[in-house]
């Protein structure tokens, strides 16, 4: 099998697993679990654009987590870019509520070398947390 076909299968498996992980794990544990160690990079020779395209295609019609599509896209993209050996940065931000004052809105996106790989947030969000890939050997920045 080619590396791209393996990537497509691996991507779909993780996409199906993420909704279960979100329900079973705390936020910190989930992000830690989906942060590759940096020692194992099976997709090192796959270009970052190809990795992002495969993930976008796999998530083009989500069946679960429709409201939190950016979370699933961000976690998946960050994970697979990490498996490719790329220094991906996973960003989480909070926005003030629009309609319901008791409900916060969040957004998740990924950057690579300060260039957004997934859609960055619209204006009016406060940066909450940044997770860097193990390539940088830093797990948290606040």
C-alpha atoms as a PDB file:
ATOM      1  CA  UNK A   1       0.000   0.000   0.000  1.00  0.00           C
ATOM      2  CA  UNK A   2       1.167   3.495  -0.647  1.00  0.00           C
ATOM      3  CA  UNK A   3       1.824   5.955   2.126  1.00  0.00           C
ATOM      4  CA  UNK A   4      -1.109   8.161   1.014  1.00  0.00           C
ATOM      5  CA  UNK A   5      -3.567   5.252   1.143  1.00  0.00           C
ATOM      6  CA  UNK A   6      -2.366   4.344   4.634  1.00  0.00           C
ATOM      7  CA  UNK A   7      -2.742   8.015   5.622  1.00  0.00           C
ATOM      8  CA  UNK A   8      -6.339   8.045   4.313  1.00  0.00           C
ATOM      9  CA  UNK A   9      -7.262   4.917   6.276  1.00  0.00           C
ATOM     10  CA  UNK A  10      -5.501   6.155   9.425  1.00  0.00           C
ATOM     11  CA  UNK A  11      -7.248   9.542   9.102  1.00  0.00           C
ATOM     12  CA  UNK A  12     -10.705   7.993   8.847  1.00  0.00           C
ATOM     13  CA  UNK A  13     -10.068   5.768  11.864  1.00  0.00           C
ATOM     14  CA  UNK A  14      -9.036   8.744  13.999  1.00  0.00           C
ATOM     15  CA  UNK A  15     -11.970  10.839  12.762  1.00  0.00           C
ATOM     16  CA  UNK A  16     -14.378   8.128  13.910  1.00  0.00           C
ATOM     17  CA  UNK A  17     -12.579   7.819  17.247  1.00  0.00           C
ATOM     18  CA  UNK A  18     -12.429  11.517  18.201  1.00  0.00           C
ATOM     19  CA  UNK A  19     -16.131  11.898  19.232  1.00  0.00           C
ATOM     20  CA  UNK A  20     -15.687   9.009  21.668  1.00  0.00           C
ATOM     21  CA  UNK A  21     -12.431  10.448  23.012  1.00  0.00           C
ATOM     22  CA  UNK A  22     -14.060  13.861  23.531  1.00  0.00           C
ATOM     23  CA  UNK A  23     -16.719  12.245  25.707  1.00  0.00           C
ATOM     24  CA  UNK A  24     -14.320  10.050  27.691  1.00  0.00           C
ATOM     25  CA  UNK A  25     -11.306  12.311  28.283  1.00  0.00           C
ATOM     26  CA  UNK A  26     -10.638  15.671  29.831  1.00  0.00           C
ATOM     27  CA  UNK A  27      -9.479  18.419  27.485  1.00  0.00           C
ATOM     28  CA  UNK A  28      -5.878  18.218  28.732  1.00  0.00           C
ATOM     29  CA  UNK A  29      -5.772  14.414  28.414  1.00  0.00           C
ATOM     30  CA  UNK A  30      -7.321  14.506  24.946  1.00  0.00           C
ATOM     31  CA  UNK A  31      -4.781  16.972  23.590  1.00  0.00           C
ATOM     32  CA  UNK A  32      -1.915  15.115  25.248  1.00  0.00           C
ATOM     33  CA  UNK A  33      -3.163  11.815  23.785  1.00  0.00           C
ATOM     34  CA  UNK A  34      -3.404  13.354  20.291  1.00  0.00           C
ATOM     35  CA  UNK A  35       0.062  14.914  20.429  1.00  0.00           C
ATOM     36  CA  UNK A  36       2.532  12.556  18.740  1.00  0.00           C
ATOM     37  CA  UNK A  37       5.779  11.955  20.595  1.00  0.00           C
ATOM     38  CA  UNK A  38       7.945  13.136  17.719  1.00  0.00           C
ATOM     39  CA  UNK A  39       9.933   9.907  17.670  1.00  0.00           C
ATOM     40  CA  UNK A  40       7.598   8.102  15.285  1.00  0.00           C
ATOM     41  CA  UNK A  41       6.947   9.996  12.024  1.00  0.00           C
ATOM     42  CA  UNK A  42       5.443   7.559   9.495  1.00  0.00           C
ATOM     43  CA  UNK A  43       4.328  10.397   7.196  1.00  0.00           C
ATOM     44  CA  UNK A  44       7.623  12.293   7.173  1.00  0.00           C
ATOM     45  CA  UNK A  45       7.914  12.135   3.379  1.00  0.00           C
ATOM     46  CA  UNK A  46       4.326  13.257   2.777  1.00  0.00           C
ATOM     47  CA  UNK A  47       4.030  17.003   2.024  1.00  0.00           C
ATOM     48  CA  UNK A  48       2.065  19.019   4.596  1.00  0.00           C
ATOM     49  CA  UNK A  49      -0.338  20.197   1.863  1.00  0.00           C
ATOM     50  CA  UNK A  50      -1.181  16.577   1.035  1.00  0.00           C
ATOM     51  CA  UNK A  51      -1.813  15.749   4.696  1.00  0.00           C
ATOM     52  CA  UNK A  52      -4.130  18.763   5.056  1.00  0.00           C
ATOM     53  CA  UNK A  53      -5.964  17.898   1.809  1.00  0.00           C
ATOM     54  CA  UNK A  54      -6.546  14.263   2.864  1.00  0.00           C
ATOM     55  CA  UNK A  55      -7.994  15.434   6.187  1.00  0.00           C
ATOM     56  CA  UNK A  56     -10.210  18.071   4.535  1.00  0.00           C
ATOM     57  CA  UNK A  57     -11.570  15.433   2.140  1.00  0.00           C
ATOM     58  CA  UNK A  58     -12.227  12.981   4.961  1.00  0.00           C
ATOM     59  CA  UNK A  59     -14.084  15.638   6.988  1.00  0.00           C
ATOM     60  CA  UNK A  60     -15.961  17.246   4.103  1.00  0.00           C
ATOM     61  CA  UNK A  61     -19.278  15.751   5.259  1.00  0.00           C
ATOM     62  CA  UNK A  62     -19.140  15.164   9.036  1.00  0.00           C
ATOM     63  CA  UNK A  63     -21.689  12.776  10.523  1.00  0.00           C
ATOM     64  CA  UNK A  64     -20.826  13.472  14.169  1.00  0.00           C
ATOM     65  CA  UNK A  65     -19.667  16.574  15.996  1.00  0.00           C
ATOM     66  CA  UNK A  66     -21.204  18.922  13.415  1.00  0.00           C
ATOM     67  CA  UNK A  67     -21.239  21.766  15.939  1.00  0.00           C
ATOM     68  CA  UNK A  68     -17.603  21.197  16.862  1.00  0.00           C
ATOM     69  CA  UNK A  69     -16.222  20.591  13.386  1.00  0.00           C
ATOM     70  CA  UNK A  70     -13.275  22.931  13.976  1.00  0.00           C
ATOM     71  CA  UNK A  71     -12.249  20.914  17.057  1.00  0.00           C
ATOM     72  CA  UNK A  72     -12.242  17.660  15.139  1.00  0.00           C
ATOM     73  CA  UNK A  73     -10.458  19.244  12.170  1.00  0.00           C
ATOM     74  CA  UNK A  74      -7.870  20.920  14.390  1.00  0.00           C
ATOM     75  CA  UNK A  75      -7.128  17.843  16.477  1.00  0.00           C
ATOM     76  CA  UNK A  76      -6.869  15.626  13.400  1.00  0.00           C
ATOM     77  CA  UNK A  77      -4.736  18.067  11.411  1.00  0.00           C
ATOM     78  CA  UNK A  78      -2.398  18.727  14.328  1.00  0.00           C
ATOM     79  CA  UNK A  79      -2.012  15.010  14.991  1.00  0.00           C
ATOM     80  CA  UNK A  80      -1.180  14.037  11.423  1.00  0.00           C
ATOM     81  CA  UNK A  81       1.115  16.996  10.799  1.00  0.00           C
ATOM     82  CA  UNK A  82       2.958  15.891  13.948  1.00  0.00           C
ATOM     83  CA  UNK A  83       3.213  12.368  12.535  1.00  0.00           C
ATOM     84  CA  UNK A  84       4.682  13.975   9.432  1.00  0.00           C
ATOM     85  CA  UNK A  85       7.360  15.667  11.529  1.00  0.00           C
ATOM     86  CA  UNK A  86       5.971  19.169  10.958  1.00  0.00           C
ATOM     87  CA  UNK A  87       6.027  21.808  13.744  1.00  0.00           C
ATOM     88  CA  UNK A  88       2.255  22.273  13.819  1.00  0.00           C
ATOM     89  CA  UNK A  89       0.720  24.585  16.405  1.00  0.00           C
ATOM     90  CA  UNK A  90      -2.792  23.927  17.704  1.00  0.00           C
ATOM     91  CA  UNK A  91      -4.649  27.076  18.808  1.00  0.00           C
ATOM     92  CA  UNK A  92      -7.752  27.307  20.986  1.00  0.00           C
ATOM     93  CA  UNK A  93      -9.669  30.536  21.470  1.00  0.00           C
ATOM     94  CA  UNK A  94     -12.879  31.642  23.155  1.00  0.00           C
ATOM     95  CA  UNK A  95     -15.386  34.118  21.791  1.00  0.00           C
ATOM     96  CA  UNK A  96     -18.058  35.970  23.721  1.00  0.00           C
ATOM     97  CA  UNK A  97     -21.548  34.500  23.368  1.00  0.00           C
ATOM     98  CA  UNK A  98     -23.673  35.866  20.530  1.00  0.00           C
ATOM     99  CA  UNK A  99     -27.205  34.870  21.486  1.00  0.00           C
ATOM    100  CA  UNK A 100     -27.092  32.979  24.776  1.00  0.00           C
ATOM    101  CA  UNK A 101     -25.039  34.918  27.361  1.00  0.00           C
ATOM    102  CA  UNK A 102     -24.397  31.727  29.351  1.00  0.00           C
ATOM    103  CA  UNK A 103     -22.788  29.855  26.471  1.00  0.00           C
ATOM    104  CA  UNK A 104     -19.246  30.532  25.319  1.00  0.00           C
ATOM    105  CA  UNK A 105     -18.160  29.806  21.795  1.00  0.00           C
ATOM    106  CA  UNK A 106     -14.771  28.360  21.031  1.00  0.00           C
ATOM    107  CA  UNK A 107     -12.654  27.874  17.968  1.00  0.00           C
ATOM    108  CA  UNK A 108      -9.737  25.592  17.164  1.00  0.00           C
ATOM    109  CA  UNK A 109      -7.278  25.991  14.302  1.00  0.00           C
ATOM    110  CA  UNK A 110      -3.814  24.853  13.265  1.00  0.00           C
ATOM    111  CA  UNK A 111      -0.865  26.855  11.988  1.00  0.00           C
ATOM    112  CA  UNK A 112       2.368  25.707  10.437  1.00  0.00           C
ATOM    113  CA  UNK A 113       5.236  28.221  10.475  1.00  0.00           C
ATOM    114  CA  UNK A 114       2.706  30.922  11.474  1.00  0.00           C
ATOM    115  CA  UNK A 115       0.580  30.211   8.373  1.00  0.00           C
ATOM    116  CA  UNK A 116      -2.969  28.935   9.034  1.00  0.00           C
ATOM    117  CA  UNK A 117      -3.535  25.384   7.799  1.00  0.00           C
ATOM    118  CA  UNK A 118      -7.156  25.359   8.963  1.00  0.00           C
ATOM    119  CA  UNK A 119      -9.464  28.370   9.129  1.00  0.00           C
ATOM    120  CA  UNK A 120      -8.434  30.904  11.768  1.00  0.00           C
ATOM    121  CA  UNK A 121     -11.122  32.541  13.881  1.00  0.00           C
ATOM    122  CA  UNK A 122     -13.014  35.623  12.989  1.00  0.00           C
ATOM    123  CA  UNK A 123     -12.297  38.776  14.965  1.00  0.00           C
ATOM    124  CA  UNK A 124     -13.398  39.080  18.561  1.00  0.00           C
ATOM    125  CA  UNK A 125     -11.814  36.026  20.157  1.00  0.00           C
ATOM    126  CA  UNK A 126      -9.468  35.779  23.106  1.00  0.00           C
ATOM    127  CA  UNK A 127      -6.538  33.381  22.844  1.00  0.00           C
ATOM    128  CA  UNK A 128      -6.879  30.687  25.463  1.00  0.00           C
ATOM    129  CA  UNK A 129      -4.176  28.070  24.896  1.00  0.00           C
ATOM    130  CA  UNK A 130      -1.580  27.083  22.327  1.00  0.00           C
ATOM    131  CA  UNK A 131      -0.233  23.554  21.971  1.00  0.00           C
ATOM    132  CA  UNK A 132       2.968  23.097  20.004  1.00  0.00           C
ATOM    133  CA  UNK A 133       4.144  19.916  18.378  1.00  0.00           C
ATOM    134  CA  UNK A 134       6.851  17.738  19.905  1.00  0.00           C
ATOM    135  CA  UNK A 135       9.133  18.843  17.078  1.00  0.00           C
ATOM    136  CA  UNK A 136       9.603  22.029  19.119  1.00  0.00           C
ATOM    137  CA  UNK A 137       9.791  19.939  22.340  1.00  0.00           C
ATOM    138  CA  UNK A 138       7.403  22.349  24.099  1.00  0.00           C
ATOM    139  CA  UNK A 139       4.006  21.032  25.069  1.00  0.00           C
ATOM    140  CA  UNK A 140       2.315  24.108  26.549  1.00  0.00           C
ATOM    141  CA  UNK A 141       2.550  27.824  26.032  1.00  0.00           C
ATOM    142  CA  UNK A 142       0.186  30.216  27.752  1.00  0.00           C
END
